PDB file of N, CA and C in Angstrom:
ATOM      1  N   MET A   1       6.334 -33.603 -15.793  1.00  0.00           N
ATOM      2  CA  MET A   1       6.212 -32.868 -14.559  1.00  0.00           C
ATOM      3  C   MET A   1       4.752 -32.419 -14.413  1.00  0.00           C
ATOM      4  N   ALA A   2       4.241 -32.474 -13.198  1.00  0.00           N
ATOM      5  CA  ALA A   2       2.856 -32.068 -12.924  1.00  0.00           C
ATOM      6  C   ALA A   2       2.737 -30.552 -13.025  1.00  0.00           C
ATOM      7  N   PRO A   3       1.592 -30.068 -13.501  1.00  0.00           N
ATOM      8  CA  PRO A   3       1.411 -28.624 -13.585  1.00  0.00           C
ATOM      9  C   PRO A   3       1.303 -28.000 -12.192  1.00  0.00           C
ATOM     10  N   ILE A   4       1.736 -26.771 -12.099  1.00  0.00           N
ATOM     11  CA  ILE A   4       1.630 -26.028 -10.845  1.00  0.00           C
ATOM     12  C   ILE A   4       0.176 -25.584 -10.699  1.00  0.00           C
ATOM     13  N   PRO A   5      -0.453 -25.890  -9.561  1.00  0.00           N
ATOM     14  CA  PRO A   5      -1.859 -25.511  -9.400  1.00  0.00           C
ATOM     15  C   PRO A   5      -2.012 -23.994  -9.341  1.00  0.00           C
ATOM     16  N   ALA A   6      -3.095 -23.509  -9.906  1.00  0.00           N
ATOM     17  CA  ALA A   6      -3.390 -22.072  -9.858  1.00  0.00           C
ATOM     18  C   ALA A   6      -3.838 -21.707  -8.453  1.00  0.00           C
ATOM     19  N   PRO A   7      -3.407 -20.550  -7.953  1.00  0.00           N
ATOM     20  CA  PRO A   7      -3.844 -20.151  -6.612  1.00  0.00           C
ATOM     21  C   PRO A   7      -5.353 -19.929  -6.587  1.00  0.00           C
ATOM     22  N   GLN A   8      -5.935 -20.253  -5.451  1.00  0.00           N
ATOM     23  CA  GLN A   8      -7.367 -20.077  -5.268  1.00  0.00           C
ATOM     24  C   GLN A   8      -7.707 -18.585  -5.234  1.00  0.00           C
ATOM     25  N   ALA A   9      -8.786 -18.216  -5.884  1.00  0.00           N
ATOM     26  CA  ALA A   9      -9.220 -16.816  -5.871  1.00  0.00           C
ATOM     27  C   ALA A   9      -9.740 -16.461  -4.480  1.00  0.00           C
ATOM     28  N   GLU A  10      -9.385 -15.284  -4.016  1.00  0.00           N
ATOM     29  CA  GLU A  10      -9.864 -14.832  -2.715  1.00  0.00           C
ATOM     30  C   GLU A  10     -11.218 -14.155  -2.868  1.00  0.00           C
ATOM     31  N   PRO A  11     -12.020 -14.177  -1.823  1.00  0.00           N
ATOM     32  CA  PRO A  11     -13.301 -13.479  -1.871  1.00  0.00           C
ATOM     33  C   PRO A  11     -13.092 -11.985  -2.120  1.00  0.00           C
ATOM     34  N   GLN A  12     -14.017 -11.385  -2.827  1.00  0.00           N
ATOM     35  CA  GLN A  12     -13.985  -9.937  -3.035  1.00  0.00           C
ATOM     36  C   GLN A  12     -14.588  -9.290  -1.792  1.00  0.00           C
ATOM     37  N   ASP A  13     -13.749  -9.121  -0.788  1.00  0.00           N
ATOM     38  CA  ASP A  13     -14.199  -8.692   0.527  1.00  0.00           C
ATOM     39  C   ASP A  13     -13.103  -7.833   1.145  1.00  0.00           C
ATOM     40  N   SER A  14     -13.477  -6.822   1.877  1.00  0.00           N
ATOM     41  CA  SER A  14     -12.519  -5.924   2.498  1.00  0.00           C
ATOM     42  C   SER A  14     -12.289  -6.301   3.961  1.00  0.00           C
ATOM     43  N   PRO A  15     -11.064  -6.615   4.339  1.00  0.00           N
ATOM     44  CA  PRO A  15     -10.798  -6.946   5.741  1.00  0.00           C
ATOM     45  C   PRO A  15     -11.200  -5.832   6.708  1.00  0.00           C
ATOM     46  N   GLU A  16     -11.115  -4.590   6.278  1.00  0.00           N
ATOM     47  CA  GLU A  16     -11.456  -3.472   7.151  1.00  0.00           C
ATOM     48  C   GLU A  16     -12.919  -3.513   7.602  1.00  0.00           C
ATOM     49  N   ALA A  17     -13.772  -4.184   6.830  1.00  0.00           N
ATOM     50  CA  ALA A  17     -15.195  -4.267   7.161  1.00  0.00           C
ATOM     51  C   ALA A  17     -15.445  -5.087   8.428  1.00  0.00           C
ATOM     52  N   TYR A  18     -14.461  -5.841   8.882  1.00  0.00           N
ATOM     53  CA  TYR A  18     -14.629  -6.700  10.055  1.00  0.00           C
ATOM     54  C   TYR A  18     -14.220  -6.006  11.358  1.00  0.00           C
ATOM     55  N   VAL A  19     -13.481  -4.920  11.257  1.00  0.00           N
ATOM     56  CA  VAL A  19     -13.014  -4.214  12.445  1.00  0.00           C
ATOM     57  C   VAL A  19     -14.218  -3.659  13.207  1.00  0.00           C
ATOM     58  N   GLY A  20     -14.236  -3.931  14.505  1.00  0.00           N
ATOM     59  CA  GLY A  20     -15.323  -3.480  15.372  1.00  0.00           C
ATOM     60  C   GLY A  20     -16.401  -4.524  15.604  1.00  0.00           C
ATOM     61  N   LEU A  21     -16.377  -5.612  14.830  1.00  0.00           N
ATOM     62  CA  LEU A  21     -17.375  -6.669  15.007  1.00  0.00           C
ATOM     63  C   LEU A  21     -16.980  -7.597  16.148  1.00  0.00           C
ATOM     64  N   ASP A  22     -17.970  -8.229  16.754  1.00  0.00           N
ATOM     65  CA  ASP A  22     -17.745  -9.300  17.707  1.00  0.00           C
ATOM     66  C   ASP A  22     -16.979 -10.408  16.977  1.00  0.00           C
ATOM     67  N   ALA A  23     -16.011 -11.034  17.625  1.00  0.00           N
ATOM     68  CA  ALA A  23     -15.154 -12.026  16.970  1.00  0.00           C
ATOM     69  C   ALA A  23     -15.949 -13.182  16.370  1.00  0.00           C
ATOM     70  N   ALA A  24     -16.931 -13.703  17.085  1.00  0.00           N
ATOM     71  CA  ALA A  24     -17.722 -14.826  16.574  1.00  0.00           C
ATOM     72  C   ALA A  24     -18.534 -14.406  15.350  1.00  0.00           C
ATOM     73  N   GLN A  25     -19.121 -13.218  15.410  1.00  0.00           N
ATOM     74  CA  GLN A  25     -19.894 -12.696  14.275  1.00  0.00           C
ATOM     75  C   GLN A  25     -18.981 -12.486  13.069  1.00  0.00           C
ATOM     76  N   ALA A  26     -17.791 -11.963  13.295  1.00  0.00           N
ATOM     77  CA  ALA A  26     -16.840 -11.726  12.204  1.00  0.00           C
ATOM     78  C   ALA A  26     -16.438 -13.046  11.549  1.00  0.00           C
ATOM     79  N   GLU A  27     -16.194 -14.076  12.361  1.00  0.00           N
ATOM     80  CA  GLU A  27     -15.808 -15.372  11.797  1.00  0.00           C
ATOM     81  C   GLU A  27     -16.942 -15.966  10.964  1.00  0.00           C
ATOM     82  N   ARG A  28     -18.170 -15.902  11.461  1.00  0.00           N
ATOM     83  CA  ARG A  28     -19.316 -16.418  10.688  1.00  0.00           C
ATOM     84  C   ARG A  28     -19.440 -15.685   9.352  1.00  0.00           C
ATOM     85  N   ARG A  29     -19.340 -14.365   9.399  1.00  0.00           N
ATOM     86  CA  ARG A  29     -19.460 -13.566   8.181  1.00  0.00           C
ATOM     87  C   ARG A  29     -18.355 -13.903   7.183  1.00  0.00           C
ATOM     88  N   ALA A  30     -17.142 -14.057   7.683  1.00  0.00           N
ATOM     89  CA  ALA A  30     -16.013 -14.374   6.802  1.00  0.00           C
ATOM     90  C   ALA A  30     -16.225 -15.712   6.106  1.00  0.00           C
ATOM     91  N   ARG A  31     -16.672 -16.704   6.835  1.00  0.00           N
ATOM     92  CA  ARG A  31     -16.906 -18.022   6.234  1.00  0.00           C
ATOM     93  C   ARG A  31     -18.058 -17.972   5.232  1.00  0.00           C
ATOM     94  N   GLU A  32     -19.106 -17.213   5.541  1.00  0.00           N
ATOM     95  CA  GLU A  32     -20.229 -17.057   4.605  1.00  0.00           C
ATOM     96  C   GLU A  32     -19.780 -16.390   3.311  1.00  0.00           C
ATOM     97  N   ARG A  33     -18.801 -15.505   3.412  1.00  0.00           N
ATOM     98  CA  ARG A  33     -18.322 -14.769   2.237  1.00  0.00           C
ATOM     99  C   ARG A  33     -17.248 -15.524   1.465  1.00  0.00           C
ATOM    100  N   GLY A  34     -16.892 -16.731   1.927  1.00  0.00           N
ATOM    101  CA  GLY A  34     -16.000 -17.566   1.139  1.00  0.00           C
ATOM    102  C   GLY A  34     -14.572 -17.709   1.606  1.00  0.00           C
ATOM    103  N   TRP A  35     -14.206 -17.146   2.748  1.00  0.00           N
ATOM    104  CA  TRP A  35     -12.854 -17.342   3.263  1.00  0.00           C
ATOM    105  C   TRP A  35     -12.731 -18.783   3.724  1.00  0.00           C
ATOM    106  N   THR A  36     -11.691 -19.477   3.272  1.00  0.00           N
ATOM    107  CA  THR A  36     -11.544 -20.893   3.612  1.00  0.00           C
ATOM    108  C   THR A  36     -10.912 -21.093   4.977  1.00  0.00           C
ATOM    109  N   THR A  37     -10.091 -20.146   5.414  1.00  0.00           N
ATOM    110  CA  THR A  37      -9.465 -20.222   6.728  1.00  0.00           C
ATOM    111  C   THR A  37      -9.648 -18.886   7.421  1.00  0.00           C
ATOM    112  N   VAL A  38     -10.114 -18.937   8.660  1.00  0.00           N
ATOM    113  CA  VAL A  38     -10.295 -17.720   9.460  1.00  0.00           C
ATOM    114  C   VAL A  38      -9.534 -17.948  10.760  1.00  0.00           C
ATOM    115  N   ARG A  39      -8.673 -16.988  11.083  1.00  0.00           N
ATOM    116  CA  ARG A  39      -7.804 -17.161  12.251  1.00  0.00           C
ATOM    117  C   ARG A  39      -7.963 -15.956  13.175  1.00  0.00           C
ATOM    118  N   SER A  40      -8.363 -16.204  14.430  1.00  0.00           N
ATOM    119  CA  SER A  40      -8.486 -15.157  15.447  1.00  0.00           C
ATOM    120  C   SER A  40      -7.278 -15.228  16.365  1.00  0.00           C
ATOM    121  N   LEU A  41      -6.642 -14.084  16.557  1.00  0.00           N
ATOM    122  CA  LEU A  41      -5.400 -14.036  17.329  1.00  0.00           C
ATOM    123  C   LEU A  41      -5.477 -12.944  18.393  1.00  0.00           C
ATOM    124  N   PRO A  42      -4.944 -13.210  19.589  1.00  0.00           N
ATOM    125  CA  PRO A  42      -4.861 -12.138  20.581  1.00  0.00           C
ATOM    126  C   PRO A  42      -3.783 -11.132  20.173  1.00  0.00           C
ATOM    127  N   PRO A  43      -3.875  -9.894  20.657  1.00  0.00           N
ATOM    128  CA  PRO A  43      -2.860  -8.889  20.318  1.00  0.00           C
ATOM    129  C   PRO A  43      -1.453  -9.367  20.686  1.00  0.00           C
ATOM    130  N   GLY A  44      -0.511  -9.095  19.805  1.00  0.00           N
ATOM    131  CA  GLY A  44       0.889  -9.416  20.063  1.00  0.00           C
ATOM    132  C   GLY A  44       1.282 -10.854  19.801  1.00  0.00           C
ATOM    133  N   THR A  45       0.373 -11.660  19.269  1.00  0.00           N
ATOM    134  CA  THR A  45       0.700 -13.051  18.970  1.00  0.00           C
ATOM    135  C   THR A  45       1.795 -13.113  17.914  1.00  0.00           C
ATOM    136  N   ILE A  46       2.757 -13.961  18.140  1.00  0.00           N
ATOM    137  CA  ILE A  46       3.836 -14.156  17.168  1.00  0.00           C
ATOM    138  C   ILE A  46       3.351 -15.176  16.142  1.00  0.00           C
ATOM    139  N   ILE A  47       3.377 -14.785  14.866  1.00  0.00           N
ATOM    140  CA  ILE A  47       2.941 -15.669  13.792  1.00  0.00           C
ATOM    141  C   ILE A  47       3.979 -15.664  12.681  1.00  0.00           C
ATOM    142  N   THR A  48       3.956 -16.702  11.874  1.00  0.00           N
ATOM    143  CA  THR A  48       4.825 -16.727  10.704  1.00  0.00           C
ATOM    144  C   THR A  48       4.242 -15.803   9.646  1.00  0.00           C
ATOM    145  N   MET A  49       5.047 -15.368   8.719  1.00  0.00           N
ATOM    146  CA  MET A  49       4.618 -14.384   7.734  1.00  0.00           C
ATOM    147  C   MET A  49       4.301 -14.990   6.368  1.00  0.00           C
ATOM    148  N   GLU A  50       4.133 -16.323   6.283  1.00  0.00           N
ATOM    149  CA  GLU A  50       3.791 -16.904   4.987  1.00  0.00           C
ATOM    150  C   GLU A  50       2.390 -16.447   4.588  1.00  0.00           C
ATOM    151  N   TYR A  51       2.232 -16.230   3.316  1.00  0.00           N
ATOM    152  CA  TYR A  51       0.943 -15.784   2.795  1.00  0.00           C
ATOM    153  C   TYR A  51       0.141 -16.991   2.340  1.00  0.00           C
ATOM    154  N   ARG A  52      -1.103 -17.085   2.767  1.00  0.00           N
ATOM    155  CA  ARG A  52      -1.985 -18.170   2.346  1.00  0.00           C
ATOM    156  C   ARG A  52      -3.230 -17.572   1.725  1.00  0.00           C
ATOM    157  N   ALA A  53      -3.424 -17.847   0.455  1.00  0.00           N
ATOM    158  CA  ALA A  53      -4.629 -17.373  -0.232  1.00  0.00           C
ATOM    159  C   ALA A  53      -5.846 -17.974   0.451  1.00  0.00           C
ATOM    160  N   GLY A  54      -6.871 -17.164   0.627  1.00  0.00           N
ATOM    161  CA  GLY A  54      -8.107 -17.648   1.223  1.00  0.00           C
ATOM    162  C   GLY A  54      -8.145 -17.576   2.736  1.00  0.00           C
ATOM    163  N   ARG A  55      -7.086 -17.034   3.354  1.00  0.00           N
ATOM    164  CA  ARG A  55      -7.063 -16.930   4.821  1.00  0.00           C
ATOM    165  C   ARG A  55      -7.301 -15.477   5.237  1.00  0.00           C
ATOM    166  N   LEU A  56      -8.147 -15.308   6.242  1.00  0.00           N
ATOM    167  CA  LEU A  56      -8.410 -14.001   6.828  1.00  0.00           C
ATOM    168  C   LEU A  56      -8.015 -14.071   8.298  1.00  0.00           C
ATOM    169  N   ASN A  57      -7.206 -13.124   8.726  1.00  0.00           N
ATOM    170  CA  ASN A  57      -6.713 -13.070  10.103  1.00  0.00           C
ATOM    171  C   ASN A  57      -7.399 -11.949  10.861  1.00  0.00           C
ATOM    172  N   PHE A  58      -7.737 -12.210  12.104  1.00  0.00           N
ATOM    173  CA  PHE A  58      -8.313 -11.197  12.993  1.00  0.00           C
ATOM    174  C   PHE A  58      -7.446 -11.053  14.228  1.00  0.00           C
ATOM    175  N   GLU A  59      -7.162  -9.814  14.604  1.00  0.00           N
ATOM    176  CA  GLU A  59      -6.586  -9.552  15.921  1.00  0.00           C
ATOM    177  C   GLU A  59      -7.765  -9.186  16.807  1.00  0.00           C
ATOM    178  N   VAL A  60      -7.937  -9.928  17.889  1.00  0.00           N
ATOM    179  CA  VAL A  60      -9.118  -9.784  18.743  1.00  0.00           C
ATOM    180  C   VAL A  60      -8.704  -9.313  20.134  1.00  0.00           C
ATOM    181  N   ARG A  61      -9.338  -8.226  20.583  1.00  0.00           N
ATOM    182  CA  ARG A  61      -9.107  -7.701  21.931  1.00  0.00           C
ATOM    183  C   ARG A  61     -10.462  -7.520  22.596  1.00  0.00           C
ATOM    184  N   ASP A  62     -10.618  -8.079  23.783  1.00  0.00           N
ATOM    185  CA  ASP A  62     -11.873  -7.985  24.543  1.00  0.00           C
ATOM    186  C   ASP A  62     -13.073  -8.435  23.720  1.00  0.00           C
ATOM    187  N   GLY A  63     -12.876  -9.476  22.895  1.00  0.00           N
ATOM    188  CA  GLY A  63     -13.965 -10.056  22.123  1.00  0.00           C
ATOM    189  C   GLY A  63     -14.307  -9.342  20.835  1.00  0.00           C
ATOM    190  N   LEU A  64     -13.599  -8.233  20.536  1.00  0.00           N
ATOM    191  CA  LEU A  64     -13.877  -7.463  19.313  1.00  0.00           C
ATOM    192  C   LEU A  64     -12.679  -7.500  18.377  1.00  0.00           C
ATOM    193  N   VAL A  65     -12.956  -7.506  17.095  1.00  0.00           N
ATOM    194  CA  VAL A  65     -11.909  -7.458  16.075  1.00  0.00           C
ATOM    195  C   VAL A  65     -11.361  -6.033  16.032  1.00  0.00           C
ATOM    196  N   VAL A  66     -10.048  -5.894  16.268  1.00  0.00           N
ATOM    197  CA  VAL A  66      -9.411  -4.566  16.244  1.00  0.00           C
ATOM    198  C   VAL A  66      -8.541  -4.385  15.004  1.00  0.00           C
ATOM    199  N   ARG A  67      -8.261  -5.505  14.309  1.00  0.00           N
ATOM    200  CA  ARG A  67      -7.469  -5.459  13.074  1.00  0.00           C
ATOM    201  C   ARG A  67      -7.792  -6.698  12.269  1.00  0.00           C
ATOM    202  N   ALA A  68      -7.816  -6.574  10.946  1.00  0.00           N
ATOM    203  CA  ALA A  68      -8.060  -7.728  10.082  1.00  0.00           C
ATOM    204  C   ALA A  68      -7.190  -7.586   8.832  1.00  0.00           C
ATOM    205  N   TRP A  69      -6.641  -8.736   8.371  1.00  0.00           N
ATOM    206  CA  TRP A  69      -5.802  -8.712   7.176  1.00  0.00           C
ATOM    207  C   TRP A  69      -5.846 -10.066   6.468  1.00  0.00           C
ATOM    208  N   LYS A  70      -5.543 -10.031   5.184  1.00  0.00           N
ATOM    209  CA  LYS A  70      -5.525 -11.244   4.356  1.00  0.00           C
ATOM    210  C   LYS A  70      -4.213 -11.982   4.560  1.00  0.00           C
ATOM    211  N   GLY A  71      -4.276 -13.281   4.295  1.00  0.00           N
ATOM    212  CA  GLY A  71      -3.071 -14.083   4.219  1.00  0.00           C
ATOM    213  C   GLY A  71      -2.805 -14.888   5.415  1.00  0.00           C
TER     214      GLY A  71
END
């Protein structure tokens, strides 16, 4: 049987640091800091709740990040 791959380490970064930033600036910063997937979502978007290591989610209102979370 093949070994189970180890989960990828997430960047040592705080999602709260992105709140208040322009969405484009926040995405650039997240990618520079090592997040492999960055997802910008409008408020109230319905999403699945699966956790993905290396993904950073942004809730964006009027072009600004109002909430950010891992997974």
